[in-house]
PDB file of N, CA and C in Angstrom:
ATOM      1  N   MET A   1       0.853  -1.170   0.000  1.00  0.00           N
ATOM      2  CA  MET A   1       0.000   0.000   0.000  1.00  0.00           C
ATOM      3  C   MET A   1       0.902   1.237   0.000  1.00  0.00           C
ATOM      4  N   GLU A   2       0.554   2.163  -0.821  1.00  0.00           N
ATOM      5  CA  GLU A   2       1.309   3.413  -0.943  1.00  0.00           C
ATOM      6  C   GLU A   2       1.173   4.239   0.344  1.00  0.00           C
ATOM      7  N   PRO A   3       2.217   4.913   0.754  1.00  0.00           N
ATOM      8  CA  PRO A   3       2.122   5.753   1.952  1.00  0.00           C
ATOM      9  C   PRO A   3       1.116   6.891   1.809  1.00  0.00           C
ATOM     10  N   VAL A   4       0.962   7.417   0.618  1.00  0.00           N
ATOM     11  CA  VAL A   4       0.017   8.514   0.408  1.00  0.00           C
ATOM     12  C   VAL A   4      -1.411   8.018   0.625  1.00  0.00           C
ATOM     13  N   VAL A   5      -1.707   6.828   0.128  1.00  0.00           N
ATOM     14  CA  VAL A   5      -3.049   6.259   0.294  1.00  0.00           C
ATOM     15  C   VAL A   5      -3.294   5.961   1.775  1.00  0.00           C
ATOM     16  N   PHE A   6      -2.294   5.426   2.454  1.00  0.00           N
ATOM     17  CA  PHE A   6      -2.418   5.115   3.881  1.00  0.00           C
ATOM     18  C   PHE A   6      -2.703   6.369   4.696  1.00  0.00           C
ATOM     19  N   VAL A   7      -1.956   7.428   4.444  1.00  0.00           N
ATOM     20  CA  VAL A   7      -2.154   8.696   5.161  1.00  0.00           C
ATOM     21  C   VAL A   7      -3.520   9.285   4.819  1.00  0.00           C
ATOM     22  N   ALA A   8      -3.962   9.169   3.574  1.00  0.00           N
ATOM     23  CA  ALA A   8      -5.272   9.687   3.175  1.00  0.00           C
ATOM     24  C   ALA A   8      -6.393   8.921   3.872  1.00  0.00           C
ATOM     25  N   VAL A   9      -6.269   7.602   3.982  1.00  0.00           N
ATOM     26  CA  VAL A   9      -7.292   6.797   4.655  1.00  0.00           C
ATOM     27  C   VAL A   9      -7.344   7.140   6.142  1.00  0.00           C
ATOM     28  N   ILE A  10      -6.186   7.234   6.779  1.00  0.00           N
ATOM     29  CA  ILE A  10      -6.148   7.596   8.198  1.00  0.00           C
ATOM     30  C   ILE A  10      -6.711   8.997   8.407  1.00  0.00           C
ATOM     31  N   GLY A  11      -6.350   9.941   7.567  1.00  0.00           N
ATOM     32  CA  GLY A  11      -6.889  11.301   7.665  1.00  0.00           C
ATOM     33  C   GLY A  11      -8.393  11.331   7.468  1.00  0.00           C
ATOM     34  N   GLY A  12      -8.903  10.543   6.518  1.00  0.00           N
ATOM     35  CA  GLY A  12     -10.352  10.468   6.295  1.00  0.00           C
ATOM     36  C   GLY A  12     -11.074   9.872   7.487  1.00  0.00           C
ATOM     37  N   LEU A  13     -10.492   8.847   8.106  1.00  0.00           N
ATOM     38  CA  LEU A  13     -11.105   8.248   9.298  1.00  0.00           C
ATOM     39  C   LEU A  13     -11.124   9.228  10.470  1.00  0.00           C
ATOM     40  N   ILE A  14     -10.045   9.975  10.640  1.00  0.00           N
ATOM     41  CA  ILE A  14     -10.010  10.975  11.709  1.00  0.00           C
ATOM     42  C   ILE A  14     -11.040  12.069  11.454  1.00  0.00           C
ATOM     43  N   LEU A  15     -11.151  12.530  10.219  1.00  0.00           N
ATOM     44  CA  LEU A  15     -12.140  13.550   9.879  1.00  0.00           C
ATOM     45  C   LEU A  15     -13.559  13.036  10.106  1.00  0.00           C
ATOM     46  N   MET A  16     -13.822  11.789   9.708  1.00  0.00           N
ATOM     47  CA  MET A  16     -15.152  11.209   9.906  1.00  0.00           C
ATOM     48  C   MET A  16     -15.453  11.072  11.401  1.00  0.00           C
ATOM     49  N   LEU A  17     -14.466  10.682  12.186  1.00  0.00           N
ATOM     50  CA  LEU A  17     -14.661  10.575  13.627  1.00  0.00           C
ATOM     51  C   LEU A  17     -14.966  11.939  14.244  1.00  0.00           C
ATOM     52  N   LEU A  18     -14.287  12.974  13.796  1.00  0.00           N
ATOM     53  CA  LEU A  18     -14.552  14.312  14.322  1.00  0.00           C
ATOM     54  C   LEU A  18     -15.944  14.797  13.955  1.00  0.00           C
ATOM     55  N   ILE A  19     -16.391  14.498  12.752  1.00  0.00           N
ATOM     56  CA  ILE A  19     -17.710  14.953  12.307  1.00  0.00           C
ATOM     57  C   ILE A  19     -18.815  14.163  12.995  1.00  0.00           C
ATOM     58  N   ILE A  20     -18.676  12.854  13.070  1.00  0.00           N
ATOM     59  CA  ILE A  20     -19.721  12.011  13.662  1.00  0.00           C
ATOM     60  C   ILE A  20     -19.653  12.041  15.182  1.00  0.00           C
ATOM     61  N   GLY A  21     -18.465  12.109  15.762  1.00  0.00           N
ATOM     62  CA  GLY A  21     -18.303  12.053  17.211  1.00  0.00           C
ATOM     63  C   GLY A  21     -18.772  13.295  17.933  1.00  0.00           C
ATOM     64  N   ALA A  22     -18.738  14.435  17.294  1.00  0.00           N
ATOM     65  CA  ALA A  22     -19.129  15.678  17.964  1.00  0.00           C
ATOM     66  C   ALA A  22     -20.597  15.700  18.369  1.00  0.00           C
ATOM     67  N   PRO A  23     -21.538  15.308  17.509  1.00  0.00           N
ATOM     68  CA  PRO A  23     -22.930  15.332  17.955  1.00  0.00           C
ATOM     69  C   PRO A  23     -23.260  14.247  18.981  1.00  0.00           C
ATOM     70  N   LEU A  24     -22.457  13.226  19.088  1.00  0.00           N
ATOM     71  CA  LEU A  24     -22.752  12.150  20.029  1.00  0.00           C
ATOM     72  C   LEU A  24     -22.405  12.517  21.471  1.00  0.00           C
ATOM     73  N   ARG A  25     -21.518  13.473  21.679  1.00  0.00           N
ATOM     74  CA  ARG A  25     -21.117  13.837  23.032  1.00  0.00           C
ATOM     75  C   ARG A  25     -22.280  14.359  23.879  1.00  0.00           C
ATOM     76  N   PRO A  26     -23.100  15.301  23.401  1.00  0.00           N
ATOM     77  CA  PRO A  26     -24.229  15.760  24.228  1.00  0.00           C
ATOM     78  C   PRO A  26     -25.248  14.662  24.494  1.00  0.00           C
ATOM     79  N   VAL A  27     -25.458  13.778  23.523  1.00  0.00           N
ATOM     80  CA  VAL A  27     -26.405  12.685  23.710  1.00  0.00           C
ATOM     81  C   VAL A  27     -25.890  11.740  24.791  1.00  0.00           C
ATOM     82  N   ARG A  28     -24.597  11.471  24.803  1.00  0.00           N
ATOM     83  CA  ARG A  28     -24.006  10.612  25.820  1.00  0.00           C
ATOM     84  C   ARG A  28     -24.133  11.262  27.191  1.00  0.00           C
ATOM     85  N   PHE A  29     -23.920  12.574  27.272  1.00  0.00           N
ATOM     86  CA  PHE A  29     -24.025  13.299  28.543  1.00  0.00           C
ATOM     87  C   PHE A  29     -25.451  13.247  29.081  1.00  0.00           C
ATOM     88  N   ILE A  30     -26.428  13.445  28.217  1.00  0.00           N
ATOM     89  CA  ILE A  30     -27.834  13.389  28.631  1.00  0.00           C
ATOM     90  C   ILE A  30     -28.201  11.979  29.075  1.00  0.00           C
ATOM     91  N   GLY A  31     -27.726  10.984  28.339  1.00  0.00           N
ATOM     92  CA  GLY A  31     -28.006   9.592  28.698  1.00  0.00           C
ATOM     93  C   GLY A  31     -27.422   9.220  30.049  1.00  0.00           C
ATOM     94  N   GLN A  32     -26.213   9.665  30.344  1.00  0.00           N
ATOM     95  CA  GLN A  32     -25.606   9.391  31.642  1.00  0.00           C
ATOM     96  C   GLN A  32     -26.377  10.084  32.765  1.00  0.00           C
ATOM     97  N   GLY A  33     -26.874  11.284  32.494  1.00  0.00           N
ATOM     98  CA  GLY A  33     -27.680  11.997  33.489  1.00  0.00           C
ATOM     99  C   GLY A  33     -28.977  11.270  33.791  1.00  0.00           C
ATOM    100  N   ILE A  34     -29.618  10.749  32.763  1.00  0.00           N
ATOM    101  CA  ILE A  34     -30.865  10.009  32.960  1.00  0.00           C
ATOM    102  C   ILE A  34     -30.616   8.732  33.751  1.00  0.00           C
ATOM    103  N   ILE A  35     -29.521   8.056  33.456  1.00  0.00           N
ATOM    104  CA  ILE A  35     -29.186   6.833  34.187  1.00  0.00           C
ATOM    105  C   ILE A  35     -28.921   7.150  35.655  1.00  0.00           C
ATOM    106  N   LYS A  36     -28.238   8.257  35.938  1.00  0.00           N
ATOM    107  CA  LYS A  36     -27.978   8.643  37.327  1.00  0.00           C
ATOM    108  C   LYS A  36     -29.276   8.973  38.061  1.00  0.00           C
ATOM    109  N   ILE A  37     -30.220   9.608  37.377  1.00  0.00           N
ATOM    110  CA  ILE A  37     -31.508   9.914  38.006  1.00  0.00           C
ATOM    111  C   ILE A  37     -32.262   8.630  38.326  1.00  0.00           C
ATOM    112  N   ILE A  38     -32.204   7.646  37.434  1.00  0.00           N
ATOM    113  CA  ILE A  38     -32.871   6.363  37.683  1.00  0.00           C
ATOM    114  C   ILE A  38     -32.217   5.649  38.864  1.00  0.00           C
ATOM    115  N   ILE A  39     -30.889   5.686  38.943  1.00  0.00           N
ATOM    116  CA  ILE A  39     -30.191   5.072  40.078  1.00  0.00           C
ATOM    117  C   ILE A  39     -30.548   5.799  41.371  1.00  0.00           C
ATOM    118  N   GLY A  40     -30.674   7.117  41.319  1.00  0.00           N
ATOM    119  CA  GLY A  40     -31.087   7.879  42.493  1.00  0.00           C
ATOM    120  C   GLY A  40     -32.484   7.510  42.960  1.00  0.00           C
ATOM    121  N   ALA A  41     -33.386   7.274  42.006  1.00  0.00           N
ATOM    122  CA  ALA A  41     -34.741   6.841  42.368  1.00  0.00           C
ATOM    123  C   ALA A  41     -34.698   5.469  43.034  1.00  0.00           C
ATOM    124  N   ALA A  42     -33.817   4.588  42.556  1.00  0.00           N
ATOM    125  CA  ALA A  42     -33.683   3.269  43.183  1.00  0.00           C
ATOM    126  C   ALA A  42     -33.135   3.400  44.604  1.00  0.00           C
ATOM    127  N   PHE A  43     -32.132   4.285  44.803  1.00  0.00           N
ATOM    128  CA  PHE A  43     -31.615   4.537  46.150  1.00  0.00           C
ATOM    129  C   PHE A  43     -32.727   5.017  47.074  1.00  0.00           C
ATOM    130  N   LEU A  44     -33.544   5.940  46.590  1.00  0.00           N
ATOM    131  CA  LEU A  44     -34.630   6.474  47.419  1.00  0.00           C
ATOM    132  C   LEU A  44     -35.684   5.411  47.710  1.00  0.00           C
ATOM    133  N   PHE A  45     -35.937   4.543  46.750  1.00  0.00           N
ATOM    134  CA  PHE A  45     -36.888   3.446  46.976  1.00  0.00           C
ATOM    135  C   PHE A  45     -36.399   2.553  48.109  1.00  0.00           C
ATOM    136  N   PHE A  46     -35.107   2.188  48.071  1.00  0.00           N
ATOM    137  CA  PHE A  46     -34.563   1.344  49.127  1.00  0.00           C
ATOM    138  C   PHE A  46     -34.531   2.079  50.464  1.00  0.00           C
ATOM    139  N   LEU A  47     -34.260   3.381  50.444  1.00  0.00           N
ATOM    140  CA  LEU A  47     -34.296   4.157  51.684  1.00  0.00           C
ATOM    141  C   LEU A  47     -35.706   4.156  52.261  1.00  0.00           C
ATOM    142  N   ASN A  48     -36.698   4.370  51.432  1.00  0.00           N
ATOM    143  CA  ASN A  48     -38.075   4.384  51.911  1.00  0.00           C
ATOM    144  C   ASN A  48     -38.507   3.007  52.405  1.00  0.00           C
ATOM    145  N   THR A  49     -38.029   1.956  51.743  1.00  0.00           N
ATOM    146  CA  THR A  49     -38.385   0.600  52.160  1.00  0.00           C
ATOM    147  C   THR A  49     -37.745   0.261  53.506  1.00  0.00           C
ATOM    148  N   LEU A  50     -36.457   0.557  53.639  1.00  0.00           N
ATOM    149  CA  LEU A  50     -35.762   0.228  54.887  1.00  0.00           C
ATOM    150  C   LEU A  50     -36.039   1.243  55.995  1.00  0.00           C
ATOM    151  N   GLY A  51     -36.291   2.490  55.637  1.00  0.00           N
ATOM    152  CA  GLY A  51     -36.524   3.525  56.634  1.00  0.00           C
ATOM    153  C   GLY A  51     -37.961   3.630  57.090  1.00  0.00           C
ATOM    154  N   ASN A  52     -38.831   2.801  56.562  1.00  0.00           N
ATOM    155  CA  ASN A  52     -40.248   2.836  56.927  1.00  0.00           C
ATOM    156  C   ASN A  52     -40.426   2.552  58.411  1.00  0.00           C
ATOM    157  N   GLN A  53     -39.639   1.648  58.962  1.00  0.00           N
ATOM    158  CA  GLN A  53     -39.764   1.309  60.378  1.00  0.00           C
ATOM    159  C   GLN A  53     -39.283   2.448  61.272  1.00  0.00           C
ATOM    160  N   ALA A  54     -38.347   3.254  60.787  1.00  0.00           N
ATOM    161  CA  ALA A  54     -37.821   4.370  61.578  1.00  0.00           C
ATOM    162  C   ALA A  54     -38.589   5.665  61.334  1.00  0.00           C
ATOM    163  N   GLY A  55     -39.561   5.630  60.447  1.00  0.00           N
ATOM    164  CA  GLY A  55     -40.350   6.817  60.161  1.00  0.00           C
ATOM    165  C   GLY A  55     -39.701   7.753  59.166  1.00  0.00           C
ATOM    166  N   ILE A  56     -38.759   7.257  58.394  1.00  0.00           N
ATOM    167  CA  ILE A  56     -38.092   8.083  57.386  1.00  0.00           C
ATOM    168  C   ILE A  56     -38.772   7.861  56.050  1.00  0.00           C
ATOM    169  N   HIS A  57     -39.224   8.951  55.454  1.00  0.00           N
ATOM    170  CA  HIS A  57     -39.830   8.878  54.124  1.00  0.00           C
ATOM    171  C   HIS A  57     -39.369  10.090  53.312  1.00  0.00           C
ATOM    172  N   VAL A  58     -38.754   9.807  52.184  1.00  0.00           N
ATOM    173  CA  VAL A  58     -38.318  10.859  51.266  1.00  0.00           C
ATOM    174  C   VAL A  58     -39.109  10.668  49.979  1.00  0.00           C
ATOM    175  N   PRO A  59     -39.863  11.670  49.549  1.00  0.00           N
ATOM    176  CA  PRO A  59     -40.636  11.506  48.320  1.00  0.00           C
ATOM    177  C   PRO A  59     -39.725  11.305  47.107  1.00  0.00           C
ATOM    178  N   ILE A  60     -40.179  10.460  46.207  1.00  0.00           N
ATOM    179  CA  ILE A  60     -39.410  10.194  44.989  1.00  0.00           C
ATOM    180  C   ILE A  60     -39.990  11.068  43.881  1.00  0.00           C
ATOM    181  N   ASN A  61     -39.246  12.108  43.521  1.00  0.00           N
ATOM    182  CA  ASN A  61     -39.601  12.983  42.416  1.00  0.00           C
ATOM    183  C   ASN A  61     -38.325  13.303  41.647  1.00  0.00           C
ATOM    184  N   PRO A  62     -38.419  13.995  40.514  1.00  0.00           N
ATOM    185  CA  PRO A  62     -37.212  14.248  39.727  1.00  0.00           C
ATOM    186  C   PRO A  62     -36.109  15.007  40.476  1.00  0.00           C
ATOM    187  N   VAL A  63     -36.478  15.931  41.350  1.00  0.00           N
ATOM    188  CA  VAL A  63     -35.465  16.717  42.064  1.00  0.00           C
ATOM    189  C   VAL A  63     -34.723  15.849  43.079  1.00  0.00           C
ATOM    190  N   THR A  64     -35.454  15.113  43.908  1.00  0.00           N
ATOM    191  CA  THR A  64     -34.794  14.275  44.898  1.00  0.00           C
ATOM    192  C   THR A  64     -34.039  13.127  44.234  1.00  0.00           C
ATOM    193  N   SER A  65     -34.556  12.602  43.136  1.00  0.00           N
ATOM    194  CA  SER A  65     -33.849  11.546  42.404  1.00  0.00           C
ATOM    195  C   SER A  65     -32.560  12.080  41.806  1.00  0.00           C
ATOM    196  N   ALA A  66     -32.577  13.310  41.299  1.00  0.00           N
ATOM    197  CA  ALA A  66     -31.368  13.906  40.734  1.00  0.00           C
ATOM    198  C   ALA A  66     -30.326  14.155  41.826  1.00  0.00           C
ATOM    199  N   VAL A  67     -30.753  14.632  42.985  1.00  0.00           N
ATOM    200  CA  VAL A  67     -29.816  14.853  44.089  1.00  0.00           C
ATOM    201  C   VAL A  67     -29.209  13.531  44.528  1.00  0.00           C
ATOM    202  N   ALA A  68     -30.056  12.510  44.690  1.00  0.00           N
ATOM    203  CA  ALA A  68     -29.555  11.209  45.127  1.00  0.00           C
ATOM    204  C   ALA A  68     -28.671  10.568  44.065  1.00  0.00           C
ATOM    205  N   GLY A  69     -29.019  10.746  42.800  1.00  0.00           N
ATOM    206  CA  GLY A  69     -28.238  10.140  41.723  1.00  0.00           C
ATOM    207  C   GLY A  69     -26.902  10.823  41.514  1.00  0.00           C
ATOM    208  N   LEU A  70     -26.872  12.139  41.588  1.00  0.00           N
ATOM    209  CA  LEU A  70     -25.627  12.865  41.356  1.00  0.00           C
ATOM    210  C   LEU A  70     -24.686  12.811  42.555  1.00  0.00           C
ATOM    211  N   LEU A  71     -25.233  12.821  43.767  1.00  0.00           N
ATOM    212  CA  LEU A  71     -24.387  12.826  44.954  1.00  0.00           C
ATOM    213  C   LEU A  71     -24.160  11.436  45.536  1.00  0.00           C
ATOM    214  N   GLY A  72     -24.968  10.465  45.136  1.00  0.00           N
ATOM    215  CA  GLY A  72     -24.784   9.098  45.613  1.00  0.00           C
ATOM    216  C   GLY A  72     -25.308   8.907  47.025  1.00  0.00           C
ATOM    217  N   ILE A  73     -24.632   8.035  47.763  1.00  0.00           N
ATOM    218  CA  ILE A  73     -25.047   7.708  49.125  1.00  0.00           C
ATOM    219  C   ILE A  73     -25.029   8.936  50.051  1.00  0.00           C
ATOM    220  N   PRO A  74     -24.037   9.836  49.966  1.00  0.00           N
ATOM    221  CA  PRO A  74     -24.105  11.038  50.809  1.00  0.00           C
ATOM    222  C   PRO A  74     -25.333  11.905  50.490  1.00  0.00           C
ATOM    223  N   GLY A  75     -25.750  11.948  49.242  1.00  0.00           N
ATOM    224  CA  GLY A  75     -26.951  12.693  48.882  1.00  0.00           C
ATOM    225  C   GLY A  75     -28.200  12.076  49.469  1.00  0.00           C
ATOM    226  N   VAL A  76     -28.251  10.756  49.463  1.00  0.00           N
ATOM    227  CA  VAL A  76     -29.399  10.058  50.065  1.00  0.00           C
ATOM    228  C   VAL A  76     -29.418  10.312  51.567  1.00  0.00           C
ATOM    229  N   ALA A  77     -28.245  10.267  52.192  1.00  0.00           N
ATOM    230  CA  ALA A  77     -28.175  10.540  53.630  1.00  0.00           C
ATOM    231  C   ALA A  77     -28.584  11.976  53.940  1.00  0.00           C
ATOM    232  N   ALA A  78     -28.173  12.912  53.094  1.00  0.00           N
ATOM    233  CA  ALA A  78     -28.550  14.313  53.308  1.00  0.00           C
ATOM    234  C   ALA A  78     -30.064  14.497  53.145  1.00  0.00           C
ATOM    235  N   LEU A  79     -30.651  13.850  52.137  1.00  0.00           N
ATOM    236  CA  LEU A  79     -32.103  13.947  51.961  1.00  0.00           C
ATOM    237  C   LEU A  79     -32.846  13.327  53.143  1.00  0.00           C
ATOM    238  N   ALA A  80     -32.337  12.215  53.661  1.00  0.00           N
ATOM    239  CA  ALA A  80     -32.964  11.585  54.824  1.00  0.00           C
ATOM    240  C   ALA A  80     -32.849  12.487  56.047  1.00  0.00           C
ATOM    241  N   ALA A  81     -31.693  13.114  56.228  1.00  0.00           N
ATOM    242  CA  ALA A  81     -31.513  14.014  57.370  1.00  0.00           C
ATOM    243  C   ALA A  81     -32.416  15.224  57.254  1.00  0.00           C
ATOM    244  N   ILE A  82     -32.510  15.782  56.080  1.00  0.00           N
ATOM    245  CA  ILE A  82     -33.398  16.935  55.873  1.00  0.00           C
ATOM    246  C   ILE A  82     -34.845  16.535  56.117  1.00  0.00           C
ATOM    247  N   GLY A  83     -35.223  15.378  55.608  1.00  0.00           N
ATOM    248  CA  GLY A  83     -36.592  14.907  55.819  1.00  0.00           C
ATOM    249  C   GLY A  83     -36.890  14.596  57.270  1.00  0.00           C
ATOM    250  N   TYR A  84     -35.901  14.118  57.994  1.00  0.00           N
ATOM    251  CA  TYR A  84     -36.107  13.737  59.389  1.00  0.00           C
ATOM    252  C   TYR A  84     -36.142  14.953  60.317  1.00  0.00           C
ATOM    253  N   TRP A  85     -35.229  15.913  60.114  1.00  0.00           N
ATOM    254  CA  TRP A  85     -35.129  17.034  61.035  1.00  0.00           C
ATOM    255  C   TRP A  85     -35.939  18.249  60.617  1.00  0.00           C
ATOM    256  N   VAL A  86     -36.039  18.524  59.357  1.00  0.00           N
ATOM    257  CA  VAL A  86     -36.694  19.753  58.925  1.00  0.00           C
ATOM    258  C   VAL A  86     -38.189  19.568  58.749  1.00  0.00           C
ATOM    259  N   ILE A  87     -38.549  18.513  58.102  1.00  0.00           N
ATOM    260  CA  ILE A  87     -39.972  18.325  57.764  1.00  0.00           C
ATOM    261  C   ILE A  87     -40.679  17.520  58.820  1.00  0.00           C
TER     262      ILE A  87
END
């Protein structure tokens, strides 16, 4: 294979990756955010299931799911503390 053809093919693949890969980045970011919100809702479900005996109940809505999903276990603990002491 000629070096010119090899460099042209590699350059074309890089150009195609730049053109196709750019629009996929925001879609990937949105998809990861949705997955984190779903995981946060699952965390809150388990908190409500296990915390029912202690009187802890955190409503599952998009805001609390986003906090629990983005912050993880510390976010769930913070929501439980806020629900227990403030409300």
